[in-house]
PDB file of N, CA and C in Angstrom:
ATOM      1  N   MET A   1     -10.487 -91.880  33.623  1.00  0.00           N
ATOM      2  CA  MET A   1      -9.714 -91.232  32.566  1.00  0.00           C
ATOM      3  C   MET A   1      -8.388 -90.741  33.186  1.00  0.00           C
ATOM      4  N   GLU A   2      -7.323 -90.939  32.487  1.00  0.00           N
ATOM      5  CA  GLU A   2      -5.996 -90.501  32.927  1.00  0.00           C
ATOM      6  C   GLU A   2      -5.808 -89.013  32.593  1.00  0.00           C
ATOM      7  N   LEU A   3      -4.863 -88.384  33.293  1.00  0.00           N
ATOM      8  CA  LEU A   3      -4.591 -86.969  33.104  1.00  0.00           C
ATOM      9  C   LEU A   3      -4.211 -86.684  31.663  1.00  0.00           C
ATOM     10  N   ASN A   4      -3.384 -87.540  31.071  1.00  0.00           N
ATOM     11  CA  ASN A   4      -2.933 -87.343  29.692  1.00  0.00           C
ATOM     12  C   ASN A   4      -4.125 -87.384  28.739  1.00  0.00           C
ATOM     13  N   GLU A   5      -5.072 -88.263  28.960  1.00  0.00           N
ATOM     14  CA  GLU A   5      -6.253 -88.372  28.122  1.00  0.00           C
ATOM     15  C   GLU A   5      -7.120 -87.114  28.260  1.00  0.00           C
ATOM     16  N   ILE A   6      -7.261 -86.658  29.472  1.00  0.00           N
ATOM     17  CA  ILE A   6      -8.027 -85.421  29.718  1.00  0.00           C
ATOM     18  C   ILE A   6      -7.397 -84.246  28.988  1.00  0.00           C
ATOM     19  N   ARG A   7      -6.080 -84.176  29.059  1.00  0.00           N
ATOM     20  CA  ARG A   7      -5.376 -83.063  28.363  1.00  0.00           C
ATOM     21  C   ARG A   7      -5.538 -83.153  26.857  1.00  0.00           C
ATOM     22  N   GLN A   8      -5.537 -84.354  26.309  1.00  0.00           N
ATOM     23  CA  GLN A   8      -5.750 -84.562  24.877  1.00  0.00           C
ATOM     24  C   GLN A   8      -7.153 -84.082  24.473  1.00  0.00           C
ATOM     25  N   GLU A   9      -8.118 -84.414  25.295  1.00  0.00           N
ATOM     26  CA  GLU A   9      -9.486 -83.975  25.025  1.00  0.00           C
ATOM     27  C   GLU A   9      -9.604 -82.454  25.091  1.00  0.00           C
ATOM     28  N   ILE A  10      -8.948 -81.871  26.071  1.00  0.00           N
ATOM     29  CA  ILE A  10      -8.930 -80.383  26.182  1.00  0.00           C
ATOM     30  C   ILE A  10      -8.290 -79.790  24.948  1.00  0.00           C
ATOM     31  N   ASP A  11      -7.203 -80.352  24.496  1.00  0.00           N
ATOM     32  CA  ASP A  11      -6.519 -79.846  23.286  1.00  0.00           C
ATOM     33  C   ASP A  11      -7.463 -79.918  22.070  1.00  0.00           C
ATOM     34  N   LYS A  12      -8.234 -80.981  21.960  1.00  0.00           N
ATOM     35  CA  LYS A  12      -9.163 -81.100  20.826  1.00  0.00           C
ATOM     36  C   LYS A  12     -10.252 -80.020  20.933  1.00  0.00           C
ATOM     37  N   ILE A  13     -10.764 -79.809  22.127  1.00  0.00           N
ATOM     38  CA  ILE A  13     -11.794 -78.766  22.327  1.00  0.00           C
ATOM     39  C   ILE A  13     -11.208 -77.387  22.023  1.00  0.00           C
ATOM     40  N   ASP A  14      -9.955 -77.152  22.469  1.00  0.00           N
ATOM     41  CA  ASP A  14      -9.322 -75.861  22.179  1.00  0.00           C
ATOM     42  C   ASP A  14      -9.178 -75.631  20.664  1.00  0.00           C
ATOM     43  N   ALA A  15      -8.860 -76.684  19.922  1.00  0.00           N
ATOM     44  CA  ALA A  15      -8.752 -76.547  18.479  1.00  0.00           C
ATOM     45  C   ALA A  15     -10.111 -76.201  17.852  1.00  0.00           C
ATOM     46  N   GLU A  16     -11.175 -76.806  18.357  1.00  0.00           N
ATOM     47  CA  GLU A  16     -12.531 -76.499  17.886  1.00  0.00           C
ATOM     48  C   GLU A  16     -12.904 -75.053  18.232  1.00  0.00           C
ATOM     49  N   ILE A  17     -12.559 -74.620  19.420  1.00  0.00           N
ATOM     50  CA  ILE A  17     -12.858 -73.249  19.838  1.00  0.00           C
ATOM     51  C   ILE A  17     -12.170 -72.231  18.928  1.00  0.00           C
ATOM     52  N   ILE A  18     -10.878 -72.487  18.641  1.00  0.00           N
ATOM     53  CA  ILE A  18     -10.149 -71.593  17.772  1.00  0.00           C
ATOM     54  C   ILE A  18     -10.764 -71.533  16.371  1.00  0.00           C
ATOM     55  N   GLU A  19     -11.166 -72.670  15.864  1.00  0.00           N
ATOM     56  CA  GLU A  19     -11.819 -72.725  14.549  1.00  0.00           C
ATOM     57  C   GLU A  19     -13.120 -71.895  14.582  1.00  0.00           C
ATOM     58  N   LEU A  20     -13.895 -72.065  15.620  1.00  0.00           N
ATOM     59  CA  LEU A  20     -15.156 -71.330  15.729  1.00  0.00           C
ATOM     60  C   LEU A  20     -14.913 -69.824  15.918  1.00  0.00           C
ATOM     61  N   LEU A  21     -13.873 -69.470  16.656  1.00  0.00           N
ATOM     62  CA  LEU A  21     -13.552 -68.038  16.812  1.00  0.00           C
ATOM     63  C   LEU A  21     -13.127 -67.446  15.473  1.00  0.00           C
ATOM     64  N   SER A  22     -12.429 -68.224  14.673  1.00  0.00           N
ATOM     65  CA  SER A  22     -12.045 -67.759  13.343  1.00  0.00           C
ATOM     66  C   SER A  22     -13.289 -67.503  12.475  1.00  0.00           C
ATOM     67  N   LYS A  23     -14.248 -68.409  12.520  1.00  0.00           N
ATOM     68  CA  LYS A  23     -15.493 -68.228  11.771  1.00  0.00           C
ATOM     69  C   LYS A  23     -16.225 -67.001  12.301  1.00  0.00           C
ATOM     70  N   ARG A  24     -16.267 -66.853  13.604  1.00  0.00           N
ATOM     71  CA  ARG A  24     -16.932 -65.689  14.207  1.00  0.00           C
ATOM     72  C   ARG A  24     -16.251 -64.404  13.765  1.00  0.00           C
ATOM     73  N   SER A  25     -14.938 -64.411  13.680  1.00  0.00           N
ATOM     74  CA  SER A  25     -14.183 -63.266  13.221  1.00  0.00           C
ATOM     75  C   SER A  25     -14.558 -62.853  11.839  1.00  0.00           C
ATOM     76  N   GLY A  26     -14.713 -63.842  10.956  1.00  0.00           N
ATOM     77  CA  GLY A  26     -15.125 -63.529   9.594  1.00  0.00           C
ATOM     78  C   GLY A  26     -16.501 -62.907   9.512  1.00  0.00           C
ATOM     79  N   LEU A  27     -17.405 -63.405  10.337  1.00  0.00           N
ATOM     80  CA  LEU A  27     -18.760 -62.836  10.385  1.00  0.00           C
ATOM     81  C   LEU A  27     -18.754 -61.423  10.982  1.00  0.00           C
ATOM     82  N   VAL A  28     -17.921 -61.224  11.998  1.00  0.00           N
ATOM     83  CA  VAL A  28     -17.796 -59.878  12.579  1.00  0.00           C
ATOM     84  C   VAL A  28     -17.281 -58.886  11.504  1.00  0.00           C
ATOM     85  N   THR A  29     -16.305 -59.327  10.749  1.00  0.00           N
ATOM     86  CA  THR A  29     -15.782 -58.441   9.660  1.00  0.00           C
ATOM     87  C   THR A  29     -16.862 -58.136   8.660  1.00  0.00           C
ATOM     88  N   ALA A  30     -17.625 -59.143   8.270  1.00  0.00           N
ATOM     89  CA  ALA A  30     -18.722 -58.930   7.308  1.00  0.00           C
ATOM     90  C   ALA A  30     -19.770 -57.979   7.855  1.00  0.00           C
ATOM     91  N   ALA A  31     -20.124 -58.171   9.117  1.00  0.00           N
ATOM     92  CA  ALA A  31     -21.102 -57.274   9.743  1.00  0.00           C
ATOM     93  C   ALA A  31     -20.545 -55.861   9.879  1.00  0.00           C
ATOM     94  N   GLY A  32     -19.299 -55.754  10.194  1.00  0.00           N
ATOM     95  CA  GLY A  32     -18.654 -54.445  10.340  1.00  0.00           C
ATOM     96  C   GLY A  32     -18.700 -53.601   9.087  1.00  0.00           C
ATOM     97  N   LYS A  33     -18.651 -54.296   7.923  1.00  0.00           N
ATOM     98  CA  LYS A  33     -18.709 -53.587   6.655  1.00  0.00           C
ATOM     99  C   LYS A  33     -20.075 -52.954   6.398  1.00  0.00           C
ATOM    100  N   LEU A  34     -21.070 -53.425   7.107  1.00  0.00           N
ATOM    101  CA  LEU A  34     -22.427 -52.911   6.921  1.00  0.00           C
ATOM    102  C   LEU A  34     -22.771 -51.784   7.889  1.00  0.00           C
ATOM    103  N   LYS A  35     -21.910 -51.554   8.843  1.00  0.00           N
ATOM    104  CA  LYS A  35     -22.180 -50.548   9.886  1.00  0.00           C
ATOM    105  C   LYS A  35     -21.711 -49.195   9.434  1.00  0.00           C
ATOM    106  N   LYS A  36     -22.458 -48.173   9.837  1.00  0.00           N
ATOM    107  CA  LYS A  36     -22.214 -46.810   9.331  1.00  0.00           C
ATOM    108  C   LYS A  36     -21.332 -45.939  10.199  1.00  0.00           C
ATOM    109  N   ASP A  37     -21.225 -46.289  11.518  1.00  0.00           N
ATOM    110  CA  ASP A  37     -20.471 -45.459  12.418  1.00  0.00           C
ATOM    111  C   ASP A  37     -19.916 -46.296  13.587  1.00  0.00           C
ATOM    112  N   GLU A  38     -19.098 -45.623  14.413  1.00  0.00           N
ATOM    113  CA  GLU A  38     -18.458 -46.332  15.547  1.00  0.00           C
ATOM    114  C   GLU A  38     -19.492 -46.763  16.564  1.00  0.00           C
ATOM    115  N   GLN A  39     -20.577 -46.023  16.756  1.00  0.00           N
ATOM    116  CA  GLN A  39     -21.614 -46.422  17.683  1.00  0.00           C
ATOM    117  C   GLN A  39     -22.247 -47.744  17.241  1.00  0.00           C
ATOM    118  N   GLY A  40     -22.392 -47.887  15.944  1.00  0.00           N
ATOM    119  CA  GLY A  40     -22.935 -49.122  15.386  1.00  0.00           C
ATOM    120  C   GLY A  40     -21.982 -50.299  15.638  1.00  0.00           C
ATOM    121  N   VAL A  41     -20.684 -50.022  15.644  1.00  0.00           N
ATOM    122  CA  VAL A  41     -19.694 -51.032  15.936  1.00  0.00           C
ATOM    123  C   VAL A  41     -19.792 -51.445  17.393  1.00  0.00           C
ATOM    124  N   ARG A  42     -19.879 -50.449  18.283  1.00  0.00           N
ATOM    125  CA  ARG A  42     -19.907 -50.732  19.718  1.00  0.00           C
ATOM    126  C   ARG A  42     -21.228 -51.364  20.177  1.00  0.00           C
ATOM    127  N   ASP A  43     -22.323 -50.844  19.700  1.00  0.00           N
ATOM    128  CA  ASP A  43     -23.681 -51.331  19.921  1.00  0.00           C
ATOM    129  C   ASP A  43     -23.914 -52.044  21.270  1.00  0.00           C
ATOM    130  N   PRO A  44     -23.927 -51.253  22.370  1.00  0.00           N
ATOM    131  CA  PRO A  44     -24.061 -51.836  23.708  1.00  0.00           C
ATOM    132  C   PRO A  44     -25.335 -52.658  23.876  1.00  0.00           C
ATOM    133  N   LYS A  45     -26.423 -52.258  23.201  1.00  0.00           N
ATOM    134  CA  LYS A  45     -27.664 -53.021  23.299  1.00  0.00           C
ATOM    135  C   LYS A  45     -27.458 -54.443  22.766  1.00  0.00           C
ATOM    136  N   ARG A  46     -26.804 -54.567  21.635  1.00  0.00           N
ATOM    137  CA  ARG A  46     -26.526 -55.870  21.034  1.00  0.00           C
ATOM    138  C   ARG A  46     -25.598 -56.681  21.945  1.00  0.00           C
ATOM    139  N   VAL A  47     -24.601 -56.037  22.526  1.00  0.00           N
ATOM    140  CA  VAL A  47     -23.704 -56.733  23.433  1.00  0.00           C
ATOM    141  C   VAL A  47     -24.491 -57.381  24.573  1.00  0.00           C
ATOM    142  N   GLU A  48     -25.389 -56.633  25.158  1.00  0.00           N
ATOM    143  CA  GLU A  48     -26.174 -57.166  26.269  1.00  0.00           C
ATOM    144  C   GLU A  48     -27.090 -58.275  25.828  1.00  0.00           C
ATOM    145  N   GLU A  49     -27.635 -58.169  24.607  1.00  0.00           N
ATOM    146  CA  GLU A  49     -28.455 -59.267  24.060  1.00  0.00           C
ATOM    147  C   GLU A  49     -27.637 -60.554  23.951  1.00  0.00           C
ATOM    148  N   VAL A  50     -26.444 -60.435  23.434  1.00  0.00           N
ATOM    149  CA  VAL A  50     -25.558 -61.592  23.292  1.00  0.00           C
ATOM    150  C   VAL A  50     -25.228 -62.178  24.653  1.00  0.00           C
ATOM    151  N   ILE A  51     -24.884 -61.331  25.599  1.00  0.00           N
ATOM    152  CA  ILE A  51     -24.518 -61.781  26.930  1.00  0.00           C
ATOM    153  C   ILE A  51     -25.677 -62.524  27.565  1.00  0.00           C
ATOM    154  N   ASN A  52     -26.891 -61.978  27.448  1.00  0.00           N
ATOM    155  CA  ASN A  52     -28.060 -62.649  28.020  1.00  0.00           C
ATOM    156  C   ASN A  52     -28.334 -63.976  27.381  1.00  0.00           C
ATOM    157  N   LYS A  53     -28.170 -64.087  26.086  1.00  0.00           N
ATOM    158  CA  LYS A  53     -28.357 -65.373  25.377  1.00  0.00           C
ATOM    159  C   LYS A  53     -27.316 -66.372  25.841  1.00  0.00           C
ATOM    160  N   VAL A  54     -26.079 -65.940  25.941  1.00  0.00           N
ATOM    161  CA  VAL A  54     -24.995 -66.828  26.324  1.00  0.00           C
ATOM    162  C   VAL A  54     -25.218 -67.330  27.746  1.00  0.00           C
ATOM    163  N   LYS A  55     -25.594 -66.452  28.647  1.00  0.00           N
ATOM    164  CA  LYS A  55     -25.832 -66.883  30.049  1.00  0.00           C
ATOM    165  C   LYS A  55     -26.963 -67.885  30.125  1.00  0.00           C
ATOM    166  N   SER A  56     -28.012 -67.672  29.360  1.00  0.00           N
ATOM    167  CA  SER A  56     -29.150 -68.575  29.343  1.00  0.00           C
ATOM    168  C   SER A  56     -28.724 -69.957  28.809  1.00  0.00           C
ATOM    169  N   LYS A  57     -27.962 -69.950  27.720  1.00  0.00           N
ATOM    170  CA  LYS A  57     -27.480 -71.224  27.165  1.00  0.00           C
ATOM    171  C   LYS A  57     -26.536 -71.933  28.136  1.00  0.00           C
ATOM    172  N   ALA A  58     -25.731 -71.157  28.817  1.00  0.00           N
ATOM    173  CA  ALA A  58     -24.777 -71.730  29.778  1.00  0.00           C
ATOM    174  C   ALA A  58     -25.543 -72.465  30.869  1.00  0.00           C
ATOM    175  N   VAL A  59     -26.573 -71.872  31.395  1.00  0.00           N
ATOM    176  CA  VAL A  59     -27.379 -72.507  32.428  1.00  0.00           C
ATOM    177  C   VAL A  59     -27.955 -73.835  31.946  1.00  0.00           C
ATOM    178  N   LYS A  60     -28.450 -73.836  30.712  1.00  0.00           N
ATOM    179  CA  LYS A  60     -29.054 -75.040  30.131  1.00  0.00           C
ATOM    180  C   LYS A  60     -28.079 -76.210  30.006  1.00  0.00           C
ATOM    181  N   VAL A  61     -26.771 -75.888  29.763  1.00  0.00           N
ATOM    182  CA  VAL A  61     -25.805 -76.973  29.585  1.00  0.00           C
ATOM    183  C   VAL A  61     -24.958 -77.204  30.829  1.00  0.00           C
ATOM    184  N   GLY A  62     -25.233 -76.516  31.903  1.00  0.00           N
ATOM    185  CA  GLY A  62     -24.530 -76.758  33.157  1.00  0.00           C
ATOM    186  C   GLY A  62     -23.211 -76.000  33.325  1.00  0.00           C
ATOM    187  N   LEU A  63     -23.047 -74.903  32.562  1.00  0.00           N
ATOM    188  CA  LEU A  63     -21.874 -74.064  32.744  1.00  0.00           C
ATOM    189  C   LEU A  63     -22.260 -72.888  33.616  1.00  0.00           C
ATOM    190  N   ASP A  64     -21.392 -72.530  34.539  1.00  0.00           N
ATOM    191  CA  ASP A  64     -21.631 -71.356  35.380  1.00  0.00           C
ATOM    192  C   ASP A  64     -21.845 -70.130  34.497  1.00  0.00           C
ATOM    193  N   PRO A  65     -23.031 -69.505  34.564  1.00  0.00           N
ATOM    194  CA  PRO A  65     -23.297 -68.356  33.679  1.00  0.00           C
ATOM    195  C   PRO A  65     -22.347 -67.180  33.868  1.00  0.00           C
ATOM    196  N   GLU A  66     -21.796 -67.046  35.079  1.00  0.00           N
ATOM    197  CA  GLU A  66     -20.822 -65.952  35.319  1.00  0.00           C
ATOM    198  C   GLU A  66     -19.539 -66.221  34.526  1.00  0.00           C
ATOM    199  N   ILE A  67     -19.130 -67.471  34.442  1.00  0.00           N
ATOM    200  CA  ILE A  67     -17.932 -67.794  33.641  1.00  0.00           C
ATOM    201  C   ILE A  67     -18.219 -67.518  32.196  1.00  0.00           C
ATOM    202  N   ALA A  68     -19.376 -67.944  31.701  1.00  0.00           N
ATOM    203  CA  ALA A  68     -19.740 -67.693  30.322  1.00  0.00           C
ATOM    204  C   ALA A  68     -19.765 -66.186  30.029  1.00  0.00           C
ATOM    205  N   GLU A  69     -20.304 -65.412  30.950  1.00  0.00           N
ATOM    206  CA  GLU A  69     -20.366 -63.951  30.765  1.00  0.00           C
ATOM    207  C   GLU A  69     -18.971 -63.358  30.680  1.00  0.00           C
ATOM    208  N   GLN A  70     -18.096 -63.744  31.582  1.00  0.00           N
ATOM    209  CA  GLN A  70     -16.703 -63.201  31.569  1.00  0.00           C
ATOM    210  C   GLN A  70     -16.024 -63.542  30.255  1.00  0.00           C
ATOM    211  N   ILE A  71     -16.145 -64.774  29.833  1.00  0.00           N
ATOM    212  CA  ILE A  71     -15.503 -65.199  28.583  1.00  0.00           C
ATOM    213  C   ILE A  71     -16.055 -64.394  27.408  1.00  0.00           C
ATOM    214  N   TYR A  72     -17.370 -64.288  27.344  1.00  0.00           N
ATOM    215  CA  TYR A  72     -17.965 -63.598  26.205  1.00  0.00           C
ATOM    216  C   TYR A  72     -17.734 -62.100  26.232  1.00  0.00           C
ATOM    217  N   ARG A  73     -17.677 -61.487  27.385  1.00  0.00           N
ATOM    218  CA  ARG A  73     -17.341 -60.043  27.413  1.00  0.00           C
ATOM    219  C   ARG A  73     -15.927 -59.851  26.855  1.00  0.00           C
ATOM    220  N   THR A  74     -15.022 -60.763  27.174  1.00  0.00           N
ATOM    221  CA  THR A  74     -13.672 -60.678  26.650  1.00  0.00           C
ATOM    222  C   THR A  74     -13.681 -60.873  25.125  1.00  0.00           C
ATOM    223  N   ILE A  75     -14.396 -61.905  24.644  1.00  0.00           N
ATOM    224  CA  ILE A  75     -14.474 -62.163  23.213  1.00  0.00           C
ATOM    225  C   ILE A  75     -15.060 -60.934  22.502  1.00  0.00           C
ATOM    226  N   ILE A  76     -16.145 -60.437  22.998  1.00  0.00           N
ATOM    227  CA  ILE A  76     -16.830 -59.298  22.367  1.00  0.00           C
ATOM    228  C   ILE A  76     -15.918 -58.078  22.375  1.00  0.00           C
ATOM    229  N   SER A  77     -15.253 -57.824  23.460  1.00  0.00           N
ATOM    230  CA  SER A  77     -14.319 -56.688  23.541  1.00  0.00           C
ATOM    231  C   SER A  77     -13.233 -56.802  22.499  1.00  0.00           C
ATOM    232  N   CYS A  78     -12.672 -57.986  22.353  1.00  0.00           N
ATOM    233  CA  CYS A  78     -11.620 -58.198  21.360  1.00  0.00           C
ATOM    234  C   CYS A  78     -12.161 -57.977  19.949  1.00  0.00           C
ATOM    235  N   PHE A  79     -13.344 -58.475  19.653  1.00  0.00           N
ATOM    236  CA  PHE A  79     -13.879 -58.318  18.311  1.00  0.00           C
ATOM    237  C   PHE A  79     -14.345 -56.894  18.042  1.00  0.00           C
ATOM    238  N   ILE A  80     -14.831 -56.183  19.043  1.00  0.00           N
ATOM    239  CA  ILE A  80     -15.143 -54.773  18.856  1.00  0.00           C
ATOM    240  C   ILE A  80     -13.864 -53.992  18.515  1.00  0.00           C
ATOM    241  N   ALA A  81     -12.793 -54.278  19.242  1.00  0.00           N
ATOM    242  CA  ALA A  81     -11.502 -53.574  18.953  1.00  0.00           C
ATOM    243  C   ALA A  81     -11.065 -53.878  17.519  1.00  0.00           C
ATOM    244  N   LYS A  82     -11.189 -55.141  17.091  1.00  0.00           N
ATOM    245  CA  LYS A  82     -10.828 -55.520  15.720  1.00  0.00           C
ATOM    246  C   LYS A  82     -11.705 -54.789  14.712  1.00  0.00           C
ATOM    247  N   GLU A  83     -13.018 -54.761  14.981  1.00  0.00           N
ATOM    248  CA  GLU A  83     -13.948 -54.134  14.075  1.00  0.00           C
ATOM    249  C   GLU A  83     -13.710 -52.620  13.991  1.00  0.00           C
ATOM    250  N   LEU A  84     -13.360 -51.976  15.143  1.00  0.00           N
ATOM    251  CA  LEU A  84     -13.068 -50.555  15.109  1.00  0.00           C
ATOM    252  C   LEU A  84     -11.834 -50.264  14.260  1.00  0.00           C
ATOM    253  N   LYS A  85     -10.796 -51.104  14.394  1.00  0.00           N
ATOM    254  CA  LYS A  85      -9.611 -50.927  13.573  1.00  0.00           C
ATOM    255  C   LYS A  85      -9.963 -51.020  12.117  1.00  0.00           C
ATOM    256  N   GLU A  86     -10.757 -52.025  11.773  1.00  0.00           N
ATOM    257  CA  GLU A  86     -11.155 -52.203  10.377  1.00  0.00           C
ATOM    258  C   GLU A  86     -12.023 -51.006   9.916  1.00  0.00           C
ATOM    259  N   PHE A  87     -12.919 -50.567  10.766  1.00  0.00           N
ATOM    260  CA  PHE A  87     -13.784 -49.465  10.453  1.00  0.00           C
ATOM    261  C   PHE A  87     -12.970 -48.204  10.156  1.00  0.00           C
ATOM    262  N   LYS A  88     -11.926 -47.976  10.945  1.00  0.00           N
ATOM    263  CA  LYS A  88     -11.075 -46.794  10.773  1.00  0.00           C
ATOM    264  C   LYS A  88     -10.033 -46.989   9.675  1.00  0.00           C
ATOM    265  N   GLY A  89      -9.989 -48.191   9.107  1.00  0.00           N
ATOM    266  CA  GLY A  89      -9.019 -48.461   8.042  1.00  0.00           C
ATOM    267  C   GLY A  89      -7.621 -48.791   8.527  1.00  0.00           C
ATOM    268  N   GLU A  90      -7.460 -49.000   9.807  1.00  0.00           N
ATOM    269  CA  GLU A  90      -6.125 -49.266  10.355  1.00  0.00           C
ATOM    270  C   GLU A  90      -5.591 -50.616   9.947  1.00  0.00           C
ATOM    271  N   THR A  91      -6.470 -51.596   9.794  1.00  0.00           N
ATOM    272  CA  THR A  91      -6.021 -52.934   9.396  1.00  0.00           C
ATOM    273  C   THR A  91      -5.497 -52.890   7.966  1.00  0.00           C
ATOM    274  N   ASN A  92      -6.208 -52.177   7.085  1.00  0.00           N
ATOM    275  CA  ASN A  92      -5.780 -52.085   5.699  1.00  0.00           C
ATOM    276  C   ASN A  92      -4.436 -51.425   5.605  1.00  0.00           C
ATOM    277  N   ASN A  93      -4.224 -50.356   6.378  1.00  0.00           N
ATOM    278  CA  ASN A  93      -2.945 -49.663   6.368  1.00  0.00           C
ATOM    279  C   ASN A  93      -1.830 -50.556   6.845  1.00  0.00           C
ATOM    280  N   LEU A  94      -2.109 -51.371   7.865  1.00  0.00           N
ATOM    281  CA  LEU A  94      -1.103 -52.268   8.398  1.00  0.00           C
ATOM    282  C   LEU A  94      -0.747 -53.320   7.335  1.00  0.00           C
ATOM    283  N   ASN A  95      -1.768 -53.858   6.661  1.00  0.00           N
ATOM    284  CA  ASN A  95      -1.504 -54.871   5.613  1.00  0.00           C
ATOM    285  C   ASN A  95      -0.715 -54.272   4.479  1.00  0.00           C
ATOM    286  N   ILE A  96      -1.004 -53.040   4.084  1.00  0.00           N
ATOM    287  CA  ILE A  96      -0.266 -52.386   3.021  1.00  0.00           C
ATOM    288  C   ILE A  96       1.193 -52.216   3.415  1.00  0.00           C
ATOM    289  N   ARG A  97       1.443 -51.759   4.688  1.00  0.00           N
ATOM    290  CA  ARG A  97       2.814 -51.574   5.157  1.00  0.00           C
ATOM    291  C   ARG A  97       3.559 -52.880   5.211  1.00  0.00           C
ATOM    292  N   MET A  98       2.874 -53.952   5.619  1.00  0.00           N
ATOM    293  CA  MET A  98       3.536 -55.250   5.750  1.00  0.00           C
ATOM    294  C   MET A  98       3.885 -55.838   4.382  1.00  0.00           C
ATOM    295  N   ASN A  99       3.118 -55.518   3.365  1.00  0.00           N
ATOM    296  CA  ASN A  99       3.344 -56.073   2.022  1.00  0.00           C
ATOM    297  C   ASN A  99       4.382 -55.326   1.209  1.00  0.00           C
ATOM    298  N   ARG A 100       4.859 -54.223   1.724  1.00  0.00           N
ATOM    299  CA  ARG A 100       5.864 -53.445   0.987  1.00  0.00           C
ATOM    300  C   ARG A 100       7.221 -54.063   1.075  1.00  0.00           C
TER     301      ARG A 100
END
């Protein structure tokens, strides 16, 4: 395979990843609406459950589990921050200000 072909395949995978992250974001938002407090948003027990599942799946498909963990800790951190903003109503305020 040529370098250009490899890069095209990487670009396709990146597009799929972005689409999946968008779907995940929607589900995070939906779940966030059901949570009663900030501790429920942060939920460290759930975070560790997700990390353990991801690492296990990574091993099964031949991905270094440490890489999977680092990626997922970043993803989870970003989504927790998003969910906290939504929980506090900061996103709605931003949207209102932007639409004026």
